[in-house]
Amino acid sequence: MPKVTIDGKTVEFEPGKLPYQEHGKPESILDVCLNFGIHLEHACGGNCACTTCHVIVNKGMENLTEMDDDEADRLDMAAGLTLRSRLGCQCIVQGDIEVEIPSWNRNYVSEGGGSMNLGDAIPVGKK
């Protein structure tokens, strides 16, 4: 069972048994996050049309599917791009990985920015 650690929180799932959440590719980092209540932005609905699900892979890059041309082209537009960057909606988990959500993305919601993918559905926090 692959172990996925995201910003220090570790979850496990059985391949082929994870309920697909209709966002991103099945068993992608985004799909794992949605199944386990871990917030990962995905403004485009996981369709490889934005970079809000950008993650940095700290360990286990070899346990993710290979990056395709669409992901590589889109990732070129991501803020804070590194050699270990991937789009959470596109890379399918095939073994143990450790990833982090870049602080510029993670902090947007925690600092009262609302949810980027829900627009006005979640009100902006009061200052």
N, C-alpha and C. Protein backbone atom coordinates (compact mmCIF):
# COMPACT_ATOMS: atom_id res chain seq x y z
N MET A 1 0.84 -1.18 0.00
CA MET A 1 0.00 0.00 0.00
C MET A 1 0.89 1.25 0.00
N PRO A 2 0.72 2.10 -1.02
CA PRO A 2 1.53 3.32 -1.06
C PRO A 2 1.23 4.24 0.11
N LYS A 3 2.30 4.83 0.66
CA LYS A 3 2.18 5.85 1.70
C LYS A 3 2.45 7.19 1.04
N VAL A 4 1.53 8.11 1.24
CA VAL A 4 1.65 9.44 0.68
C VAL A 4 1.74 10.43 1.85
N THR A 5 2.85 11.15 1.91
CA THR A 5 3.03 12.15 2.96
C THR A 5 2.99 13.52 2.30
N ILE A 6 2.05 14.34 2.75
CA ILE A 6 1.86 15.69 2.21
C ILE A 6 1.93 16.67 3.36
N ASP A 7 2.95 17.52 3.33
CA ASP A 7 3.17 18.50 4.39
C ASP A 7 3.11 17.85 5.78
N GLY A 8 3.73 16.68 5.91
CA GLY A 8 3.83 16.00 7.20
C GLY A 8 2.68 15.09 7.56
N LYS A 9 1.61 15.10 6.81
CA LYS A 9 0.46 14.20 7.07
C LYS A 9 0.58 12.99 6.16
N THR A 10 0.58 11.78 6.74
CA THR A 10 0.75 10.55 5.96
C THR A 10 -0.56 9.77 5.90
N VAL A 11 -0.88 9.34 4.69
CA VAL A 11 -2.06 8.50 4.46
C VAL A 11 -1.63 7.31 3.61
N GLU A 12 -2.40 6.24 3.65
CA GLU A 12 -2.13 5.05 2.85
C GLU A 12 -3.41 4.67 2.10
N PHE A 13 -3.21 4.08 0.93
CA PHE A 13 -4.37 3.58 0.19
C PHE A 13 -3.98 2.33 -0.57
N GLU A 14 -4.98 1.50 -0.84
CA GLU A 14 -4.77 0.27 -1.60
C GLU A 14 -5.01 0.57 -3.08
N PRO A 15 -3.99 0.33 -3.93
CA PRO A 15 -4.16 0.61 -5.36
C PRO A 15 -5.39 -0.11 -5.94
N GLY A 16 -6.14 0.62 -6.75
CA GLY A 16 -7.34 0.06 -7.36
C GLY A 16 -8.57 0.14 -6.48
N LYS A 17 -8.43 0.57 -5.23
CA LYS A 17 -9.56 0.62 -4.30
C LYS A 17 -9.91 2.04 -3.88
N LEU A 18 -9.16 3.04 -4.32
CA LEU A 18 -9.41 4.42 -3.93
C LEU A 18 -10.59 4.97 -4.74
N PRO A 19 -11.66 5.41 -4.07
CA PRO A 19 -12.80 5.95 -4.82
C PRO A 19 -12.37 7.18 -5.63
N TYR A 20 -12.66 7.20 -6.92
CA TYR A 20 -12.27 8.31 -7.78
C TYR A 20 -13.14 9.52 -7.49
N GLN A 21 -12.52 10.67 -7.26
CA GLN A 21 -13.24 11.89 -6.88
C GLN A 21 -13.54 12.82 -8.05
N GLU A 22 -13.31 12.34 -9.29
CA GLU A 22 -13.66 13.10 -10.50
C GLU A 22 -12.83 14.36 -10.72
N HIS A 23 -11.70 14.48 -10.05
CA HIS A 23 -10.79 15.61 -10.25
C HIS A 23 -9.39 15.08 -10.45
N GLY A 24 -8.76 15.43 -11.56
CA GLY A 24 -7.44 14.90 -11.85
C GLY A 24 -7.53 13.46 -12.32
N LYS A 25 -6.37 12.84 -12.47
CA LYS A 25 -6.33 11.44 -12.89
C LYS A 25 -6.60 10.55 -11.68
N PRO A 26 -7.23 9.40 -11.89
CA PRO A 26 -7.47 8.47 -10.77
C PRO A 26 -6.15 8.09 -10.10
N GLU A 27 -6.15 8.14 -8.77
CA GLU A 27 -5.01 7.82 -7.92
C GLU A 27 -3.84 8.80 -8.09
N SER A 28 -4.14 9.99 -8.60
CA SER A 28 -3.16 11.07 -8.65
C SER A 28 -3.00 11.64 -7.23
N ILE A 29 -1.99 12.48 -7.05
CA ILE A 29 -1.81 13.14 -5.75
C ILE A 29 -3.08 13.92 -5.38
N LEU A 30 -3.67 14.61 -6.35
CA LEU A 30 -4.91 15.34 -6.09
C LEU A 30 -6.03 14.40 -5.66
N ASP A 31 -6.20 13.29 -6.32
CA ASP A 31 -7.24 12.32 -5.98
C ASP A 31 -7.03 11.79 -4.56
N VAL A 32 -5.78 11.50 -4.20
CA VAL A 32 -5.47 11.04 -2.84
C VAL A 32 -5.84 12.13 -1.84
N CYS A 33 -5.46 13.37 -2.13
CA CYS A 33 -5.79 14.48 -1.23
C CYS A 33 -7.30 14.59 -1.02
N LEU A 34 -8.06 14.56 -2.10
CA LEU A 34 -9.51 14.68 -1.99
C LEU A 34 -10.12 13.55 -1.17
N ASN A 35 -9.59 12.35 -1.32
CA ASN A 35 -10.11 11.20 -0.58
C ASN A 35 -9.82 11.27 0.91
N PHE A 36 -8.74 11.96 1.28
CA PHE A 36 -8.34 11.98 2.69
C PHE A 36 -8.49 13.36 3.34
N GLY A 37 -9.21 14.27 2.69
CA GLY A 37 -9.49 15.57 3.30
C GLY A 37 -8.30 16.49 3.40
N ILE A 38 -7.31 16.33 2.53
CA ILE A 38 -6.14 17.22 2.51
C ILE A 38 -6.39 18.27 1.44
N HIS A 39 -6.32 19.53 1.82
CA HIS A 39 -6.63 20.60 0.87
C HIS A 39 -5.49 20.83 -0.11
N LEU A 40 -5.78 20.65 -1.39
CA LEU A 40 -4.85 20.98 -2.47
C LEU A 40 -5.67 21.71 -3.52
N GLU A 41 -5.33 22.98 -3.76
CA GLU A 41 -6.06 23.78 -4.74
C GLU A 41 -6.07 23.07 -6.09
N HIS A 42 -7.12 23.29 -6.85
CA HIS A 42 -7.24 22.74 -8.21
C HIS A 42 -8.30 23.53 -8.95
N ALA A 43 -7.95 24.77 -9.26
CA ALA A 43 -8.90 25.73 -9.83
C ALA A 43 -9.54 25.24 -11.13
N CYS A 44 -8.82 24.44 -11.90
CA CYS A 44 -9.35 23.97 -13.19
C CYS A 44 -10.10 22.65 -13.06
N GLY A 45 -10.25 22.15 -11.85
CA GLY A 45 -10.94 20.87 -11.66
C GLY A 45 -10.07 19.67 -11.94
N GLY A 46 -8.75 19.87 -11.97
CA GLY A 46 -7.82 18.76 -12.20
C GLY A 46 -7.68 18.39 -13.67
N ASN A 47 -7.86 19.37 -14.56
CA ASN A 47 -7.81 19.11 -16.00
C ASN A 47 -6.51 19.55 -16.67
N CYS A 48 -5.46 19.80 -15.89
CA CYS A 48 -4.17 20.22 -16.43
C CYS A 48 -4.29 21.54 -17.20
N ALA A 49 -5.14 22.45 -16.68
CA ALA A 49 -5.33 23.73 -17.34
C ALA A 49 -4.88 24.91 -16.47
N CYS A 50 -4.28 24.62 -15.31
CA CYS A 50 -3.74 25.67 -14.45
C CYS A 50 -2.56 25.07 -13.68
N THR A 51 -2.05 25.78 -12.70
CA THR A 51 -0.93 25.25 -11.92
C THR A 51 -1.20 25.32 -10.42
N THR A 52 -2.45 25.47 -10.02
CA THR A 52 -2.74 25.64 -8.60
C THR A 52 -2.52 24.37 -7.77
N CYS A 53 -2.40 23.21 -8.41
CA CYS A 53 -2.13 21.96 -7.68
C CYS A 53 -0.64 21.61 -7.70
N HIS A 54 0.20 22.59 -8.02
CA HIS A 54 1.65 22.41 -8.06
C HIS A 54 2.15 21.91 -6.70
N VAL A 55 2.91 20.82 -6.72
CA VAL A 55 3.54 20.28 -5.51
C VAL A 55 5.03 20.07 -5.79
N ILE A 56 5.79 19.96 -4.71
CA ILE A 56 7.22 19.67 -4.81
C ILE A 56 7.45 18.30 -4.19
N VAL A 57 8.04 17.40 -4.96
CA VAL A 57 8.28 16.03 -4.53
C VAL A 57 9.63 15.97 -3.81
N ASN A 58 9.60 15.67 -2.51
CA ASN A 58 10.83 15.59 -1.73
C ASN A 58 11.44 14.20 -1.76
N LYS A 59 10.60 13.18 -1.82
CA LYS A 59 11.06 11.79 -1.87
C LYS A 59 10.09 10.98 -2.72
N GLY A 60 10.62 10.03 -3.49
CA GLY A 60 9.79 9.09 -4.21
C GLY A 60 9.40 9.51 -5.62
N MET A 61 10.14 10.41 -6.24
CA MET A 61 9.82 10.83 -7.61
C MET A 61 9.69 9.61 -8.53
N GLU A 62 10.48 8.57 -8.27
CA GLU A 62 10.44 7.35 -9.09
C GLU A 62 9.14 6.56 -8.89
N ASN A 63 8.37 6.92 -7.85
CA ASN A 63 7.10 6.24 -7.57
C ASN A 63 5.89 6.99 -8.12
N LEU A 64 6.16 7.93 -9.04
CA LEU A 64 5.09 8.65 -9.72
C LEU A 64 5.19 8.34 -11.21
N THR A 65 4.05 8.40 -11.90
CA THR A 65 4.09 8.18 -13.35
C THR A 65 4.96 9.26 -13.99
N GLU A 66 5.47 8.93 -15.15
CA GLU A 66 6.32 9.86 -15.89
C GLU A 66 5.52 11.08 -16.33
N MET A 67 6.18 12.22 -16.34
CA MET A 67 5.52 13.45 -16.76
C MET A 67 5.29 13.43 -18.28
N ASP A 68 4.06 13.75 -18.70
CA ASP A 68 3.79 13.83 -20.13
C ASP A 68 3.98 15.27 -20.63
N ASP A 69 3.89 15.46 -21.93
CA ASP A 69 4.14 16.78 -22.52
C ASP A 69 3.16 17.84 -22.04
N ASP A 70 1.88 17.48 -21.88
CA ASP A 70 0.88 18.44 -21.42
C ASP A 70 1.23 18.97 -20.02
N GLU A 71 1.61 18.05 -19.12
CA GLU A 71 1.97 18.47 -17.76
C GLU A 71 3.23 19.34 -17.81
N ALA A 72 4.23 18.94 -18.57
CA ALA A 72 5.49 19.70 -18.65
C ALA A 72 5.23 21.11 -19.18
N ASP A 73 4.41 21.22 -20.21
CA ASP A 73 4.11 22.53 -20.78
C ASP A 73 3.38 23.42 -19.77
N ARG A 74 2.42 22.86 -19.06
CA ARG A 74 1.66 23.63 -18.07
C ARG A 74 2.54 23.99 -16.88
N LEU A 75 3.36 23.06 -16.44
CA LEU A 75 4.22 23.27 -15.28
C LEU A 75 5.21 24.41 -15.51
N ASP A 76 5.60 24.63 -16.75
CA ASP A 76 6.51 25.74 -17.07
C ASP A 76 5.96 27.08 -16.61
N MET A 77 4.65 27.18 -16.41
CA MET A 77 4.01 28.43 -16.01
C MET A 77 3.85 28.56 -14.49
N ALA A 78 4.24 27.53 -13.75
CA ALA A 78 4.02 27.52 -12.30
C ALA A 78 4.99 28.47 -11.58
N ALA A 79 4.46 29.14 -10.56
CA ALA A 79 5.31 29.97 -9.70
C ALA A 79 6.17 29.04 -8.84
N GLY A 80 7.39 29.43 -8.58
CA GLY A 80 8.26 28.64 -7.70
C GLY A 80 8.67 27.30 -8.27
N LEU A 81 8.77 27.19 -9.58
CA LEU A 81 9.11 25.94 -10.25
C LEU A 81 10.48 25.42 -9.80
N THR A 82 10.56 24.11 -9.51
CA THR A 82 11.83 23.47 -9.16
C THR A 82 11.99 22.22 -10.03
N LEU A 83 13.14 21.59 -9.95
CA LEU A 83 13.37 20.34 -10.67
C LEU A 83 12.53 19.20 -10.11
N ARG A 84 11.96 19.39 -8.93
CA ARG A 84 11.14 18.37 -8.28
C ARG A 84 9.65 18.71 -8.32
N SER A 85 9.27 19.68 -9.15
CA SER A 85 7.88 20.11 -9.25
C SER A 85 7.06 19.14 -10.10
N ARG A 86 5.81 18.95 -9.69
CA ARG A 86 4.82 18.18 -10.45
C ARG A 86 3.45 18.82 -10.24
N LEU A 87 2.53 18.51 -11.13
CA LEU A 87 1.14 18.92 -10.93
C LEU A 87 0.42 17.76 -10.24
N GLY A 88 -0.18 18.04 -9.11
CA GLY A 88 -0.84 17.01 -8.32
C GLY A 88 -1.96 16.29 -9.06
N CYS A 89 -2.58 16.96 -10.03
CA CYS A 89 -3.69 16.34 -10.75
C CYS A 89 -3.23 15.36 -11.82
N GLN A 90 -1.95 15.41 -12.19
CA GLN A 90 -1.47 14.61 -13.32
C GLN A 90 -0.62 13.41 -12.94
N CYS A 91 0.10 13.48 -11.83
CA CYS A 91 1.02 12.37 -11.50
C CYS A 91 0.32 11.34 -10.62
N ILE A 92 0.34 10.11 -11.10
CA ILE A 92 -0.33 8.99 -10.42
C ILE A 92 0.65 8.33 -9.46
N VAL A 93 0.19 8.11 -8.24
CA VAL A 93 1.00 7.54 -7.19
C VAL A 93 1.11 6.03 -7.38
N GLN A 94 2.36 5.53 -7.43
CA GLN A 94 2.61 4.09 -7.62
C GLN A 94 3.44 3.49 -6.50
N GLY A 95 3.77 4.29 -5.48
CA GLY A 95 4.58 3.84 -4.36
C GLY A 95 4.68 4.98 -3.35
N ASP A 96 5.54 4.82 -2.37
CA ASP A 96 5.67 5.81 -1.31
C ASP A 96 6.25 7.12 -1.84
N ILE A 97 5.63 8.23 -1.44
CA ILE A 97 6.12 9.56 -1.82
C ILE A 97 5.99 10.52 -0.65
N GLU A 98 6.80 11.57 -0.68
CA GLU A 98 6.68 12.69 0.25
C GLU A 98 6.67 13.96 -0.58
N VAL A 99 5.61 14.76 -0.41
CA VAL A 99 5.51 16.01 -1.17
C VAL A 99 5.16 17.15 -0.23
N GLU A 100 5.44 18.35 -0.72
CA GLU A 100 5.02 19.54 0.01
C GLU A 100 4.26 20.45 -0.94
N ILE A 101 3.30 21.16 -0.38
CA ILE A 101 2.57 22.16 -1.13
C ILE A 101 3.35 23.46 -0.94
N PRO A 102 3.74 24.12 -2.02
CA PRO A 102 4.52 25.36 -1.87
C PRO A 102 3.80 26.35 -0.95
N SER A 103 4.57 27.04 -0.11
CA SER A 103 3.97 27.93 0.88
C SER A 103 3.13 29.03 0.26
N TRP A 104 3.48 29.53 -0.91
CA TRP A 104 2.69 30.59 -1.54
C TRP A 104 1.28 30.09 -1.85
N ASN A 105 1.12 28.80 -2.12
CA ASN A 105 -0.19 28.23 -2.42
C ASN A 105 -0.91 27.84 -1.14
N ARG A 106 -0.20 27.18 -0.24
CA ARG A 106 -0.79 26.71 1.02
C ARG A 106 -1.28 27.89 1.86
N ASN A 107 -0.54 28.99 1.86
CA ASN A 107 -0.88 30.13 2.72
C ASN A 107 -2.03 30.96 2.19
N TYR A 108 -2.35 30.86 0.92
CA TYR A 108 -3.42 31.66 0.34
C TYR A 108 -4.73 31.46 1.10
N VAL A 109 -5.09 30.21 1.33
CA VAL A 109 -6.36 29.92 2.02
C VAL A 109 -6.23 30.21 3.51
N SER A 110 -5.12 29.81 4.14
CA SER A 110 -4.98 29.98 5.59
C SER A 110 -4.94 31.45 5.99
N GLU A 111 -4.61 32.34 5.06
CA GLU A 111 -4.56 33.77 5.38
C GLU A 111 -5.84 34.50 4.97
N GLY A 112 -6.92 33.75 4.79
CA GLY A 112 -8.22 34.37 4.53
C GLY A 112 -8.52 34.64 3.08
N GLY A 113 -7.82 33.98 2.18
CA GLY A 113 -8.03 34.21 0.76
C GLY A 113 -9.22 33.49 0.20
N GLY A 114 -9.94 32.72 0.99
CA GLY A 114 -11.05 31.94 0.46
C GLY A 114 -10.48 30.77 -0.33
N SER A 115 -11.31 30.09 -1.07
CA SER A 115 -10.87 28.97 -1.88
C SER A 115 -10.86 29.40 -3.34
N MET A 116 -9.71 29.27 -3.99
CA MET A 116 -9.58 29.72 -5.37
C MET A 116 -10.51 28.98 -6.31
N ASN A 117 -10.76 27.70 -6.06
CA ASN A 117 -11.57 26.94 -7.01
C ASN A 117 -13.07 27.03 -6.74
N LEU A 118 -13.48 27.70 -5.69
CA LEU A 118 -14.90 27.82 -5.40
C LEU A 118 -15.40 29.25 -5.53
N GLY A 119 -14.52 30.15 -5.94
CA GLY A 119 -14.93 31.54 -6.14
C GLY A 119 -15.53 32.13 -4.89
N ASP A 120 -16.73 32.68 -5.00
CA ASP A 120 -17.38 33.34 -3.87
C ASP A 120 -18.16 32.38 -2.98
N ALA A 121 -18.09 31.09 -3.25
CA ALA A 121 -18.85 30.12 -2.46
C ALA A 121 -18.36 30.08 -1.01
N ILE A 122 -17.08 30.38 -0.79
CA ILE A 122 -16.52 30.46 0.55
C ILE A 122 -16.13 31.91 0.79
N PRO A 123 -16.78 32.59 1.72
CA PRO A 123 -16.49 34.01 1.92
C PRO A 123 -15.06 34.23 2.41
N VAL A 124 -14.52 35.36 2.03
CA VAL A 124 -13.19 35.76 2.48
C VAL A 124 -13.28 36.09 3.96
N GLY A 125 -12.25 35.68 4.73
CA GLY A 125 -12.24 35.92 6.16
C GLY A 125 -12.26 37.39 6.50
N LYS A 126 -12.80 37.72 7.68
CA LYS A 126 -12.84 39.12 8.13
C LYS A 126 -11.50 39.51 8.70
N LYS A 127 -11.11 40.73 8.43
CA LYS A 127 -9.79 41.21 8.89
C LYS A 127 -9.95 42.07 10.11
